[in-house]
N, C-alpha and C. Protein backbone atom coordinates (compact mmCIF):
# COMPACT_ATOMS: atom_id res chain seq x y z
N LEU A 1 80.58 -16.20 -12.52
CA LEU A 1 79.39 -15.75 -11.95
C LEU A 1 79.26 -14.22 -11.81
N VAL A 2 78.04 -13.71 -12.00
CA VAL A 2 77.91 -12.34 -11.91
C VAL A 2 77.58 -11.94 -10.42
N LYS A 3 78.25 -10.83 -9.94
CA LYS A 3 77.94 -10.37 -8.59
C LYS A 3 76.56 -9.91 -8.47
N ARG A 4 75.91 -10.24 -7.45
CA ARG A 4 74.45 -9.79 -7.24
C ARG A 4 74.48 -8.32 -6.75
N SER A 5 73.72 -7.47 -7.40
CA SER A 5 73.64 -6.10 -7.13
C SER A 5 72.37 -5.77 -6.30
N GLN A 6 72.46 -5.23 -5.17
CA GLN A 6 71.27 -4.99 -4.41
C GLN A 6 71.03 -3.41 -4.29
N TRP A 7 69.80 -3.01 -4.69
CA TRP A 7 69.51 -1.58 -4.64
C TRP A 7 68.05 -1.54 -3.93
N ILE A 8 68.06 -0.59 -2.99
CA ILE A 8 66.74 -0.22 -2.38
C ILE A 8 66.37 1.21 -2.84
N ILE A 9 65.22 1.32 -3.52
CA ILE A 9 64.80 2.57 -4.12
C ILE A 9 63.56 3.07 -3.28
N GLY A 10 63.67 4.35 -2.85
CA GLY A 10 62.52 4.98 -2.12
C GLY A 10 62.49 6.45 -2.25
N GLY A 11 61.33 6.93 -1.69
CA GLY A 11 61.22 8.43 -1.72
C GLY A 11 61.79 9.12 -0.53
N ASP A 12 61.73 10.35 -0.53
CA ASP A 12 62.26 11.20 0.59
C ASP A 12 61.38 11.11 1.78
N GLY A 13 60.02 10.96 1.55
CA GLY A 13 59.10 10.83 2.67
C GLY A 13 59.49 9.81 3.71
N ALA A 14 59.80 8.62 3.16
CA ALA A 14 60.24 7.54 4.04
C ALA A 14 61.61 7.70 4.50
N SER A 15 62.56 8.10 3.57
CA SER A 15 63.95 8.16 3.91
C SER A 15 64.34 9.21 4.88
N TYR A 16 63.58 10.44 4.76
CA TYR A 16 63.95 11.50 5.65
C TYR A 16 63.10 11.43 6.97
N ASP A 17 61.94 10.88 6.90
CA ASP A 17 61.00 11.00 8.06
C ASP A 17 60.58 9.61 8.57
N ILE A 18 59.50 9.07 8.14
CA ILE A 18 58.84 7.99 8.92
C ILE A 18 59.70 6.70 8.76
N GLY A 19 60.51 6.54 7.79
CA GLY A 19 61.36 5.32 7.56
C GLY A 19 62.87 5.60 7.88
N TYR A 20 63.17 6.83 8.49
CA TYR A 20 64.59 7.09 8.55
C TYR A 20 65.30 6.13 9.51
N GLY A 21 64.65 5.77 10.51
CA GLY A 21 65.23 4.77 11.46
C GLY A 21 65.62 3.51 10.74
N GLY A 22 64.84 3.03 9.84
CA GLY A 22 65.13 1.75 9.13
C GLY A 22 66.26 2.07 8.10
N LEU A 23 66.23 3.19 7.46
CA LEU A 23 67.37 3.54 6.55
C LEU A 23 68.64 3.74 7.24
N ASP A 24 68.64 4.30 8.33
CA ASP A 24 69.87 4.56 9.18
C ASP A 24 70.39 3.16 9.69
N HIS A 25 69.53 2.34 10.00
CA HIS A 25 69.85 1.00 10.48
C HIS A 25 70.54 0.14 9.43
N VAL A 26 69.94 0.21 8.26
CA VAL A 26 70.50 -0.62 7.05
C VAL A 26 71.94 -0.07 6.77
N LEU A 27 72.07 1.26 6.68
CA LEU A 27 73.35 1.84 6.32
C LEU A 27 74.37 1.53 7.26
N ALA A 28 73.99 1.63 8.58
CA ALA A 28 74.96 1.52 9.76
C ALA A 28 75.40 0.01 9.87
N SER A 29 74.64 -0.89 9.29
CA SER A 29 74.99 -2.22 9.34
C SER A 29 76.28 -2.68 8.74
N GLY A 30 76.77 -1.82 7.89
CA GLY A 30 78.04 -2.11 7.12
C GLY A 30 77.93 -3.11 5.93
N GLU A 31 76.68 -3.56 5.68
CA GLU A 31 76.48 -4.59 4.63
C GLU A 31 76.63 -3.83 3.27
N ASP A 32 76.95 -4.62 2.28
CA ASP A 32 77.10 -4.16 0.96
C ASP A 32 75.75 -3.97 0.23
N VAL A 33 75.11 -2.86 0.54
CA VAL A 33 73.76 -2.62 -0.10
C VAL A 33 73.75 -1.22 -0.46
N ASN A 34 73.07 -0.98 -1.60
CA ASN A 34 72.88 0.42 -2.10
C ASN A 34 71.47 0.89 -1.99
N ILE A 35 71.34 2.17 -1.57
CA ILE A 35 70.10 2.80 -1.40
C ILE A 35 70.06 4.03 -2.38
N LEU A 36 68.99 4.19 -3.14
CA LEU A 36 68.77 5.38 -3.97
C LEU A 36 67.44 6.04 -3.50
N VAL A 37 67.64 7.39 -3.08
CA VAL A 37 66.56 8.13 -2.53
C VAL A 37 66.23 9.22 -3.65
N LEU A 38 64.93 9.07 -4.08
CA LEU A 38 64.36 10.04 -5.04
C LEU A 38 63.79 11.15 -4.20
N ASP A 39 64.47 12.32 -4.19
CA ASP A 39 64.18 13.45 -3.30
C ASP A 39 63.26 14.42 -4.01
N THR A 40 61.95 14.32 -3.74
CA THR A 40 61.01 15.29 -4.33
C THR A 40 60.64 16.37 -3.39
N GLU A 41 61.07 16.30 -2.18
CA GLU A 41 60.99 17.34 -1.12
C GLU A 41 59.56 17.51 -0.61
N VAL A 42 58.71 16.58 -0.88
CA VAL A 42 57.38 16.41 -0.25
C VAL A 42 56.97 15.06 -0.20
N TYR A 43 55.90 14.71 0.56
CA TYR A 43 55.28 13.41 0.56
C TYR A 43 54.40 13.35 -0.75
N SER A 44 55.01 12.99 -1.78
CA SER A 44 54.38 13.00 -3.15
C SER A 44 53.15 12.09 -3.21
N ASN A 45 53.24 10.90 -2.72
CA ASN A 45 52.15 9.96 -2.91
C ASN A 45 50.95 10.04 -2.00
N THR A 46 51.04 11.02 -1.09
CA THR A 46 49.98 11.20 -0.08
C THR A 46 49.40 12.62 -0.11
N GLY A 47 49.53 13.31 -1.22
CA GLY A 47 49.06 14.69 -1.29
C GLY A 47 49.92 15.88 -1.21
N GLY A 48 51.20 15.65 -1.11
CA GLY A 48 52.16 16.62 -1.01
C GLY A 48 52.34 17.35 0.30
N GLN A 49 52.29 16.59 1.41
CA GLN A 49 52.57 17.13 2.68
C GLN A 49 53.94 17.54 2.92
N SER A 50 54.19 18.50 3.84
CA SER A 50 55.49 18.89 4.17
C SER A 50 56.33 17.84 4.96
N SER A 51 57.65 17.71 4.58
CA SER A 51 58.46 16.75 5.19
C SER A 51 59.73 17.38 5.67
N LYS A 52 60.64 16.56 6.31
CA LYS A 52 61.94 17.16 6.76
C LYS A 52 62.75 17.41 5.47
N SER A 53 62.33 16.91 4.27
CA SER A 53 63.09 17.22 3.09
C SER A 53 62.52 18.53 2.39
N THR A 54 61.41 19.02 2.88
CA THR A 54 60.84 20.30 2.33
C THR A 54 61.76 21.48 2.63
N PRO A 55 62.18 22.28 1.67
CA PRO A 55 63.02 23.40 1.92
C PRO A 55 62.36 24.57 2.58
N LEU A 56 63.04 25.44 3.23
CA LEU A 56 62.50 26.63 3.82
C LEU A 56 61.85 27.42 2.79
N GLY A 57 60.60 27.89 3.04
CA GLY A 57 59.90 28.85 2.20
C GLY A 57 58.95 28.15 1.23
N ALA A 58 59.06 26.77 1.08
CA ALA A 58 58.11 26.21 0.08
C ALA A 58 56.79 25.91 0.72
N ILE A 59 55.73 26.04 -0.05
CA ILE A 59 54.38 25.78 0.40
C ILE A 59 54.06 24.33 0.27
N ALA A 60 53.33 23.72 1.21
CA ALA A 60 53.00 22.32 1.13
C ALA A 60 51.79 22.09 2.14
N GLN A 61 51.24 20.90 2.09
CA GLN A 61 50.16 20.55 3.07
C GLN A 61 50.75 20.63 4.39
N PHE A 62 50.05 21.30 5.31
CA PHE A 62 50.54 21.56 6.71
C PHE A 62 51.66 22.48 6.81
N ALA A 63 51.93 23.24 5.67
CA ALA A 63 52.86 24.34 5.78
C ALA A 63 52.34 25.45 4.68
N ALA A 64 51.10 25.87 4.93
CA ALA A 64 50.26 26.61 3.95
C ALA A 64 50.93 27.98 3.64
N GLN A 65 51.70 28.53 4.62
CA GLN A 65 52.30 29.89 4.54
C GLN A 65 53.83 29.72 4.27
N GLY A 66 54.32 28.56 3.76
CA GLY A 66 55.64 28.26 3.48
C GLY A 66 56.31 27.75 4.72
N LYS A 67 57.18 26.74 4.54
CA LYS A 67 57.84 26.01 5.70
C LYS A 67 58.88 27.01 6.32
N ARG A 68 58.96 26.99 7.64
CA ARG A 68 59.72 28.00 8.32
C ARG A 68 61.11 27.51 8.80
N ILE A 69 61.35 26.21 8.65
CA ILE A 69 62.72 25.59 9.05
C ILE A 69 63.42 25.09 7.95
N ARG A 70 64.72 24.98 7.97
CA ARG A 70 65.54 24.50 6.84
C ARG A 70 65.47 23.03 6.59
N LYS A 71 65.80 22.63 5.44
CA LYS A 71 65.82 21.28 4.96
C LYS A 71 66.84 20.36 5.69
N LYS A 72 66.47 19.11 5.98
CA LYS A 72 67.37 18.27 6.67
C LYS A 72 68.44 17.84 5.63
N ASP A 73 69.71 17.78 6.03
CA ASP A 73 70.81 17.33 5.15
C ASP A 73 71.14 15.87 5.46
N LEU A 74 70.37 15.08 4.77
CA LEU A 74 70.36 13.53 5.03
C LEU A 74 71.76 13.08 4.66
N GLY A 75 72.32 13.45 3.51
CA GLY A 75 73.54 13.02 3.00
C GLY A 75 74.72 13.24 3.89
N LEU A 76 74.73 14.57 4.32
CA LEU A 76 75.89 14.97 5.21
C LEU A 76 75.90 14.30 6.46
N MET A 77 74.62 13.91 7.02
CA MET A 77 74.48 13.18 8.21
C MET A 77 75.06 11.82 8.09
N GLN A 78 74.89 11.15 7.00
CA GLN A 78 75.36 9.82 6.82
C GLN A 78 76.90 9.72 6.67
N THR A 79 77.61 10.90 6.18
CA THR A 79 78.99 10.91 6.02
C THR A 79 79.63 10.77 7.39
N THR A 80 79.02 11.14 8.50
CA THR A 80 79.62 11.10 9.77
C THR A 80 80.02 9.70 10.23
N TYR A 81 79.39 8.62 9.66
CA TYR A 81 79.71 7.30 9.95
C TYR A 81 81.13 7.03 9.42
N GLY A 82 81.50 7.63 8.32
CA GLY A 82 82.89 7.32 7.83
C GLY A 82 83.02 6.17 6.96
N TYR A 83 82.13 5.21 6.95
CA TYR A 83 82.33 4.04 6.10
C TYR A 83 81.09 3.88 5.12
N ILE A 84 80.31 4.92 4.93
CA ILE A 84 79.19 4.82 3.99
C ILE A 84 79.53 5.69 2.86
N TYR A 85 79.37 5.22 1.63
CA TYR A 85 79.51 5.91 0.39
C TYR A 85 78.29 6.76 0.22
N VAL A 86 78.41 8.05 0.02
CA VAL A 86 77.27 8.96 -0.12
C VAL A 86 77.46 9.93 -1.27
N ALA A 87 76.33 10.19 -2.03
CA ALA A 87 76.48 11.14 -3.10
C ALA A 87 75.08 11.78 -3.35
N GLN A 88 75.20 13.01 -3.90
CA GLN A 88 74.03 13.76 -4.23
C GLN A 88 74.06 14.04 -5.71
N ILE A 89 73.06 13.63 -6.38
CA ILE A 89 73.13 13.82 -7.90
C ILE A 89 71.89 14.53 -8.43
N ALA A 90 71.97 14.98 -9.76
CA ALA A 90 70.81 15.48 -10.43
C ALA A 90 71.13 15.18 -11.92
N MET A 91 70.43 14.23 -12.46
CA MET A 91 70.74 13.71 -13.75
C MET A 91 70.65 14.87 -14.86
N GLY A 92 69.73 15.75 -14.71
CA GLY A 92 69.58 16.75 -15.77
C GLY A 92 70.76 17.80 -15.68
N ALA A 93 71.35 17.87 -14.57
CA ALA A 93 72.36 18.85 -14.34
C ALA A 93 73.78 18.33 -14.81
N ASP A 94 74.08 17.02 -14.55
CA ASP A 94 75.25 16.49 -14.86
C ASP A 94 75.19 14.96 -15.07
N ASN A 95 75.02 14.52 -16.31
CA ASN A 95 74.89 13.12 -16.58
C ASN A 95 76.10 12.31 -16.16
N ALA A 96 77.34 12.84 -16.44
CA ALA A 96 78.51 12.18 -16.13
C ALA A 96 78.73 11.99 -14.69
N GLN A 97 78.39 12.98 -13.85
CA GLN A 97 78.48 12.94 -12.36
C GLN A 97 77.54 11.88 -11.89
N THR A 98 76.29 11.86 -12.42
CA THR A 98 75.28 10.91 -12.09
C THR A 98 75.85 9.41 -12.21
N LEU A 99 76.29 9.15 -13.39
CA LEU A 99 76.83 7.83 -13.84
C LEU A 99 78.09 7.45 -12.84
N LYS A 100 78.88 8.48 -12.66
CA LYS A 100 80.07 8.17 -11.85
C LYS A 100 79.68 7.86 -10.49
N ALA A 101 78.73 8.53 -9.82
CA ALA A 101 78.35 8.23 -8.49
C ALA A 101 77.77 6.89 -8.41
N ILE A 102 76.80 6.53 -9.38
CA ILE A 102 76.19 5.17 -9.30
C ILE A 102 77.18 4.06 -9.54
N ARG A 103 78.19 4.26 -10.33
CA ARG A 103 79.27 3.31 -10.53
C ARG A 103 80.08 3.08 -9.31
N GLU A 104 80.44 4.23 -8.68
CA GLU A 104 81.27 4.27 -7.50
C GLU A 104 80.43 3.56 -6.34
N ALA A 105 79.16 3.87 -6.28
CA ALA A 105 78.38 3.25 -5.14
C ALA A 105 78.19 1.68 -5.34
N GLU A 106 78.17 1.31 -6.56
CA GLU A 106 78.05 -0.12 -6.99
C GLU A 106 79.27 -0.77 -6.58
N ALA A 107 80.43 -0.15 -6.91
CA ALA A 107 81.76 -0.81 -6.70
C ALA A 107 82.24 -0.80 -5.33
N TYR A 108 81.58 0.16 -4.47
CA TYR A 108 82.13 0.33 -3.08
C TYR A 108 81.70 -0.94 -2.31
N PRO A 109 82.63 -1.55 -1.55
CA PRO A 109 82.29 -2.76 -0.78
C PRO A 109 81.70 -2.53 0.56
N GLY A 110 80.61 -1.88 0.49
CA GLY A 110 79.98 -1.48 1.86
C GLY A 110 78.61 -0.79 1.44
N PRO A 111 78.01 -0.20 2.55
CA PRO A 111 76.74 0.57 2.26
C PRO A 111 76.92 1.85 1.47
N SER A 112 75.93 2.04 0.58
CA SER A 112 76.00 3.26 -0.27
C SER A 112 74.66 3.99 -0.25
N LEU A 113 74.69 5.30 -0.24
CA LEU A 113 73.44 6.12 -0.30
C LEU A 113 73.54 7.16 -1.40
N ILE A 114 72.65 7.22 -2.27
CA ILE A 114 72.68 8.21 -3.39
C ILE A 114 71.38 8.96 -3.26
N ILE A 115 71.40 10.29 -3.16
CA ILE A 115 70.22 11.14 -3.07
C ILE A 115 70.09 11.89 -4.39
N ALA A 116 68.98 11.69 -5.09
CA ALA A 116 68.77 12.28 -6.40
C ALA A 116 67.68 13.21 -6.41
N TYR A 117 67.92 14.37 -6.94
CA TYR A 117 66.86 15.51 -6.95
C TYR A 117 65.85 15.12 -8.01
N ALA A 118 64.57 15.13 -7.65
CA ALA A 118 63.47 14.59 -8.46
C ALA A 118 62.38 15.62 -8.50
N PRO A 119 62.29 16.46 -9.44
CA PRO A 119 61.13 17.46 -9.62
C PRO A 119 59.78 16.65 -9.59
N CYS A 120 58.92 17.21 -8.97
CA CYS A 120 57.50 16.49 -8.72
C CYS A 120 56.38 17.30 -9.16
N ILE A 121 55.30 16.70 -9.60
CA ILE A 121 54.13 17.46 -9.99
C ILE A 121 53.55 18.42 -8.91
N ASN A 122 53.83 18.01 -7.64
CA ASN A 122 53.49 19.01 -6.61
C ASN A 122 54.31 20.30 -6.50
N HIS A 123 55.41 20.26 -7.20
CA HIS A 123 56.24 21.49 -7.32
C HIS A 123 55.39 22.61 -8.04
N GLY A 124 54.67 22.15 -9.08
CA GLY A 124 53.96 23.06 -9.91
C GLY A 124 54.83 23.84 -10.82
N LEU A 125 55.61 23.15 -11.68
CA LEU A 125 56.52 23.72 -12.58
C LEU A 125 55.90 24.79 -13.55
N LYS A 126 56.22 26.03 -13.48
CA LYS A 126 55.61 27.02 -14.34
C LYS A 126 56.32 27.27 -15.66
N ARG A 127 57.63 26.86 -15.74
CA ARG A 127 58.33 27.04 -16.97
C ARG A 127 57.75 26.21 -18.07
N LYS A 128 58.05 26.68 -19.37
CA LYS A 128 57.50 26.05 -20.52
C LYS A 128 57.81 24.56 -20.55
N GLY A 129 56.87 23.79 -20.77
CA GLY A 129 57.06 22.28 -20.79
C GLY A 129 56.74 21.59 -19.59
N GLY A 130 56.53 22.27 -18.42
CA GLY A 130 56.10 21.56 -17.12
C GLY A 130 57.04 20.45 -16.83
N MET A 131 56.33 19.36 -16.32
CA MET A 131 57.00 18.14 -15.99
C MET A 131 57.73 17.51 -17.14
N GLY A 132 57.41 17.85 -18.36
CA GLY A 132 58.11 17.32 -19.51
C GLY A 132 59.44 17.88 -19.62
N ARG A 133 59.73 18.95 -18.85
CA ARG A 133 61.10 19.57 -18.89
C ARG A 133 61.76 19.33 -17.47
N SER A 134 61.43 18.32 -16.74
CA SER A 134 61.93 18.11 -15.37
C SER A 134 63.55 17.98 -15.42
N GLN A 135 64.04 17.48 -16.37
CA GLN A 135 65.56 17.35 -16.54
C GLN A 135 66.21 18.81 -16.57
N ASN A 136 65.51 19.60 -17.29
CA ASN A 136 65.99 20.98 -17.33
C ASN A 136 65.83 21.72 -15.94
N GLU A 137 64.77 21.45 -15.27
CA GLU A 137 64.52 22.01 -14.00
C GLU A 137 65.63 21.57 -12.95
N GLU A 138 66.10 20.41 -13.06
CA GLU A 138 67.24 19.92 -12.31
C GLU A 138 68.50 20.72 -12.54
N LYS A 139 68.75 21.00 -13.83
CA LYS A 139 69.88 21.83 -14.14
C LYS A 139 69.77 23.19 -13.61
N LEU A 140 68.67 23.79 -13.79
CA LEU A 140 68.47 25.15 -13.18
C LEU A 140 68.66 25.15 -11.71
N ALA A 141 68.18 24.14 -10.94
CA ALA A 141 68.35 23.98 -9.55
C ALA A 141 69.80 23.98 -9.19
N VAL A 142 70.56 23.25 -9.91
CA VAL A 142 71.99 23.21 -9.57
C VAL A 142 72.73 24.47 -9.97
N ASP A 143 72.40 25.04 -11.17
CA ASP A 143 73.10 26.17 -11.59
C ASP A 143 72.95 27.39 -10.61
N CYS A 144 71.72 27.51 -10.06
CA CYS A 144 71.46 28.62 -9.17
C CYS A 144 71.87 28.40 -7.62
N GLY A 145 72.28 27.11 -7.31
CA GLY A 145 72.66 26.85 -5.95
C GLY A 145 71.48 26.28 -5.15
N TYR A 146 70.39 26.02 -5.72
CA TYR A 146 69.29 25.36 -4.95
C TYR A 146 69.68 23.93 -4.52
N TRP A 147 70.33 23.26 -5.42
CA TRP A 147 70.76 21.82 -5.14
C TRP A 147 72.17 21.81 -5.50
N HIS A 148 72.89 20.76 -4.79
CA HIS A 148 74.37 20.73 -5.00
C HIS A 148 74.72 19.25 -5.28
N LEU A 149 75.84 19.10 -6.03
CA LEU A 149 76.29 17.77 -6.47
C LEU A 149 77.62 17.53 -5.67
N TRP A 150 77.63 16.37 -5.01
CA TRP A 150 78.90 15.99 -4.37
C TRP A 150 78.98 14.47 -4.16
N ARG A 151 80.16 13.91 -3.82
CA ARG A 151 80.39 12.55 -3.55
C ARG A 151 81.28 12.42 -2.34
N PHE A 152 80.97 11.45 -1.52
CA PHE A 152 81.85 11.10 -0.42
C PHE A 152 82.20 9.62 -0.43
N ASN A 153 83.48 9.35 -0.66
CA ASN A 153 83.99 8.07 -0.97
C ASN A 153 84.99 7.70 0.16
N PRO A 154 84.70 6.90 1.14
CA PRO A 154 85.45 6.47 2.30
C PRO A 154 86.89 5.83 1.84
N GLN A 155 86.90 5.22 0.61
CA GLN A 155 88.11 4.60 0.23
C GLN A 155 89.24 5.66 -0.13
N LEU A 156 88.91 6.79 -0.37
CA LEU A 156 89.98 7.86 -0.58
C LEU A 156 90.51 8.28 0.71
N ALA A 157 89.85 8.16 1.77
CA ALA A 157 90.32 8.51 3.15
C ALA A 157 91.49 7.58 3.43
N ASP A 158 91.28 6.18 3.08
CA ASP A 158 92.24 5.23 3.33
C ASP A 158 93.59 5.54 2.63
N GLU A 159 93.50 6.31 1.54
CA GLU A 159 94.71 6.62 0.77
C GLU A 159 95.31 8.04 1.23
N GLY A 160 94.74 8.56 2.22
CA GLY A 160 95.22 9.91 2.71
C GLY A 160 94.67 10.94 1.82
N LYS A 161 93.58 10.71 1.07
CA LYS A 161 92.96 11.74 0.29
C LYS A 161 91.62 12.24 0.95
N ASN A 162 91.14 13.44 0.69
CA ASN A 162 89.92 13.90 1.10
C ASN A 162 88.77 13.09 0.42
N PRO A 163 87.91 12.41 1.33
CA PRO A 163 86.89 11.59 0.76
C PRO A 163 85.75 12.41 0.13
N PHE A 164 85.68 13.74 0.38
CA PHE A 164 84.63 14.50 0.01
C PHE A 164 84.96 15.31 -1.31
N THR A 165 84.19 15.14 -2.29
CA THR A 165 84.38 15.82 -3.60
C THR A 165 83.08 16.66 -3.97
N LEU A 166 83.34 17.97 -4.07
CA LEU A 166 82.25 18.83 -4.53
C LEU A 166 82.17 18.97 -6.06
N ASP A 167 81.14 18.46 -6.59
CA ASP A 167 81.11 18.40 -8.10
C ASP A 167 80.42 19.62 -8.71
N SER A 168 79.66 20.32 -7.90
CA SER A 168 79.00 21.57 -8.45
C SER A 168 79.94 22.70 -8.64
N LYS A 169 79.68 23.43 -9.69
CA LYS A 169 80.42 24.71 -9.92
C LYS A 169 79.80 25.72 -8.98
N ALA A 170 80.52 26.80 -8.89
CA ALA A 170 80.06 28.01 -8.07
C ALA A 170 78.74 28.46 -8.59
N PRO A 171 77.68 28.48 -7.71
CA PRO A 171 76.26 28.90 -8.23
C PRO A 171 76.20 30.31 -8.60
N LYS A 172 75.13 30.48 -9.54
CA LYS A 172 74.80 31.84 -9.96
C LYS A 172 73.66 32.26 -8.99
N TRP A 173 74.12 32.80 -7.88
CA TRP A 173 73.11 33.20 -6.89
C TRP A 173 72.07 34.22 -7.31
N GLU A 174 72.43 34.98 -8.37
CA GLU A 174 71.43 36.01 -8.80
C GLU A 174 70.30 35.39 -9.47
N ASP A 175 70.39 34.06 -9.87
CA ASP A 175 69.20 33.41 -10.45
C ASP A 175 68.40 32.58 -9.46
N PHE A 176 68.85 32.65 -8.18
CA PHE A 176 68.15 31.78 -7.20
C PHE A 176 66.68 32.12 -7.00
N ARG A 177 66.27 33.35 -6.83
CA ARG A 177 64.97 33.79 -6.69
C ARG A 177 64.07 33.48 -7.87
N ASP A 178 64.64 33.71 -9.20
CA ASP A 178 63.85 33.39 -10.31
C ASP A 178 63.57 31.93 -10.40
N PHE A 179 64.57 31.10 -9.97
CA PHE A 179 64.24 29.68 -9.91
C PHE A 179 62.99 29.40 -8.96
N LEU A 180 63.05 29.99 -7.78
CA LEU A 180 61.94 29.77 -6.89
C LEU A 180 60.60 30.19 -7.45
N LEU A 181 60.55 31.29 -8.15
CA LEU A 181 59.31 31.79 -8.67
C LEU A 181 58.79 31.06 -9.88
N GLY A 182 59.67 30.14 -10.43
CA GLY A 182 59.28 29.32 -11.53
C GLY A 182 58.45 28.04 -11.08
N GLU A 183 58.23 28.00 -9.74
CA GLU A 183 57.48 26.92 -9.25
C GLU A 183 56.29 27.33 -8.36
N VAL A 184 55.22 26.79 -8.48
CA VAL A 184 53.93 27.21 -7.80
C VAL A 184 54.12 27.09 -6.31
N ARG A 185 54.86 26.16 -5.86
CA ARG A 185 55.08 25.93 -4.34
C ARG A 185 55.71 27.04 -3.71
N TYR A 186 56.39 27.87 -4.55
CA TYR A 186 56.94 29.15 -3.98
C TYR A 186 56.21 30.39 -4.44
N LEU A 187 55.72 30.32 -5.67
CA LEU A 187 54.99 31.47 -6.28
C LEU A 187 53.64 31.74 -5.47
N SER A 188 53.05 30.68 -4.99
CA SER A 188 51.80 30.76 -4.18
C SER A 188 52.08 31.51 -2.91
N VAL A 189 53.24 31.29 -2.28
CA VAL A 189 53.58 32.01 -1.00
C VAL A 189 53.65 33.51 -1.37
N GLN A 190 54.27 33.87 -2.49
CA GLN A 190 54.41 35.26 -2.81
C GLN A 190 53.10 35.99 -3.14
N LYS A 191 52.15 35.25 -3.72
CA LYS A 191 50.87 35.84 -4.01
C LYS A 191 49.98 35.97 -2.85
N ALA A 192 49.99 34.99 -1.90
CA ALA A 192 49.13 34.95 -0.80
C ALA A 192 49.63 35.76 0.33
N PHE A 193 51.06 35.76 0.48
CA PHE A 193 51.65 36.33 1.69
C PHE A 193 52.88 37.18 1.15
N PRO A 194 52.63 38.16 0.43
CA PRO A 194 53.82 38.96 -0.24
C PRO A 194 54.89 39.44 0.76
N LYS A 195 54.45 39.96 1.90
CA LYS A 195 55.44 40.43 2.94
C LYS A 195 56.31 39.31 3.55
N GLU A 196 55.52 38.19 3.91
CA GLU A 196 56.30 37.07 4.43
C GLU A 196 57.13 36.38 3.37
N ALA A 197 56.72 36.38 2.12
CA ALA A 197 57.40 35.71 1.07
C ALA A 197 58.82 36.29 0.88
N ASP A 198 59.00 37.56 0.83
CA ASP A 198 60.19 38.12 0.70
C ASP A 198 61.26 37.77 1.75
N GLU A 199 60.73 37.76 2.94
CA GLU A 199 61.58 37.29 4.04
C GLU A 199 62.05 35.86 3.90
N LEU A 200 61.01 35.03 3.59
CA LEU A 200 61.23 33.60 3.48
C LEU A 200 62.18 33.20 2.41
N PHE A 201 62.06 33.89 1.19
CA PHE A 201 62.90 33.71 0.11
C PHE A 201 64.35 34.08 0.38
N THR A 202 64.46 35.14 1.09
CA THR A 202 65.70 35.68 1.51
C THR A 202 66.40 34.67 2.41
N GLN A 203 65.65 34.16 3.37
CA GLN A 203 66.22 33.15 4.26
C GLN A 203 66.52 31.83 3.46
N ALA A 204 65.69 31.40 2.56
CA ALA A 204 65.93 30.29 1.76
C ALA A 204 67.27 30.29 1.02
N GLU A 205 67.56 31.53 0.42
CA GLU A 205 68.84 31.73 -0.29
C GLU A 205 70.01 31.69 0.76
N LYS A 206 69.76 32.27 1.81
CA LYS A 206 70.80 32.22 2.91
C LYS A 206 71.18 30.79 3.34
N MET A 207 70.07 29.94 3.42
CA MET A 207 70.32 28.56 3.97
C MET A 207 71.04 27.74 2.82
N ALA A 208 70.68 28.15 1.50
CA ALA A 208 71.35 27.43 0.39
C ALA A 208 72.83 27.80 0.39
N LYS A 209 73.10 29.03 0.66
CA LYS A 209 74.52 29.46 0.72
C LYS A 209 75.28 28.85 1.82
N LEU A 210 74.61 28.79 3.02
CA LEU A 210 75.31 28.17 4.13
C LEU A 210 75.64 26.67 3.85
N ARG A 211 74.67 26.04 3.20
CA ARG A 211 74.94 24.65 2.84
C ARG A 211 76.03 24.44 1.90
N TYR A 212 76.00 25.37 0.83
CA TYR A 212 77.12 25.29 -0.11
C TYR A 212 78.54 25.60 0.50
N GLN A 213 78.47 26.64 1.37
CA GLN A 213 79.86 26.90 2.10
C GLN A 213 80.30 25.79 2.88
N THR A 214 79.35 24.97 3.51
CA THR A 214 79.71 23.75 4.26
C THR A 214 80.37 22.81 3.33
N TYR A 215 79.83 22.61 2.22
CA TYR A 215 80.42 21.64 1.25
C TYR A 215 81.77 22.11 0.71
N VAL A 216 81.89 23.41 0.48
CA VAL A 216 83.17 23.98 0.11
C VAL A 216 84.24 23.70 1.17
N ARG A 217 83.94 23.94 2.42
CA ARG A 217 84.86 23.70 3.40
C ARG A 217 85.30 22.21 3.58
N LYS A 218 84.31 21.36 3.42
CA LYS A 218 84.56 19.95 3.46
C LYS A 218 85.59 19.47 2.33
N SER A 219 85.31 20.08 1.15
CA SER A 219 86.14 19.72 0.04
C SER A 219 87.55 20.21 0.13
N GLN A 220 87.81 21.05 1.09
CA GLN A 220 89.10 21.70 1.29
C GLN A 220 89.90 21.09 2.39
N GLU A 221 89.31 20.09 3.10
CA GLU A 221 89.91 19.48 4.24
C GLU A 221 91.24 18.79 3.83
N ASP A 222 92.16 18.78 4.77
CA ASP A 222 93.42 18.09 4.49
C ASP A 222 93.36 16.70 5.32
N TRP A 223 93.43 15.60 4.46
CA TRP A 223 93.47 14.30 4.96
C TRP A 223 94.73 13.60 4.78
N SER A 224 95.82 14.27 4.51
CA SER A 224 97.11 13.74 4.23
C SER A 224 97.74 13.13 5.51
N GLU A 225 97.47 13.69 6.70
CA GLU A 225 98.11 13.10 7.85
C GLU A 225 97.32 11.92 8.39
N GLN A 226 97.92 10.78 8.57
CA GLN A 226 97.32 9.55 9.01
C GLN A 226 97.62 9.36 10.47
N ILE A 227 96.63 8.84 11.24
CA ILE A 227 96.78 8.66 12.65
C ILE A 227 97.72 7.40 12.83
């Protein structure tokens, strides 16, 4: 008999915001269920409103001058339970890491959450090919440090190993602003509010670096001592 595989697939609007209570309840239940979140960083299906997933500096409905607060780290929040498998992926950046995370989530005998970076038409991709090159956009996002790849496997902790694995390479921070300006959601801020844009983009890069350093520290934790 084939084991039944259960996957719940949803967007970041529900997972980060209006449906977060339900998402958290399902994951906290301890049941063997898998959840895939397609993170477009806006409420894509209702006009592109700002959400808790929208990064600092991005323009969206109800954030016409660029969002002023940092993006919610949904994945890191769920790792605090200690028994939930969590991963951040971007297929265009690393196919092997994407497949490995999905296989590990499926094999894990408990709740799993995978957050996948998903370029959206509301981003307004300016680079050649537009949405037809969304996989390449994912690669650029990871290369410059805008998005990070990692996995948290609780089973490793049981073996005295660090459950957190940072799969992203050291970002090329010098390409960070060029990445932002390749999307209308950021370029519009620069055109309409040039003075504010420079400050916002500097802060956006700072927040990305802080998040990356958080992941680096977690990847270096010593889990060899058992209680």
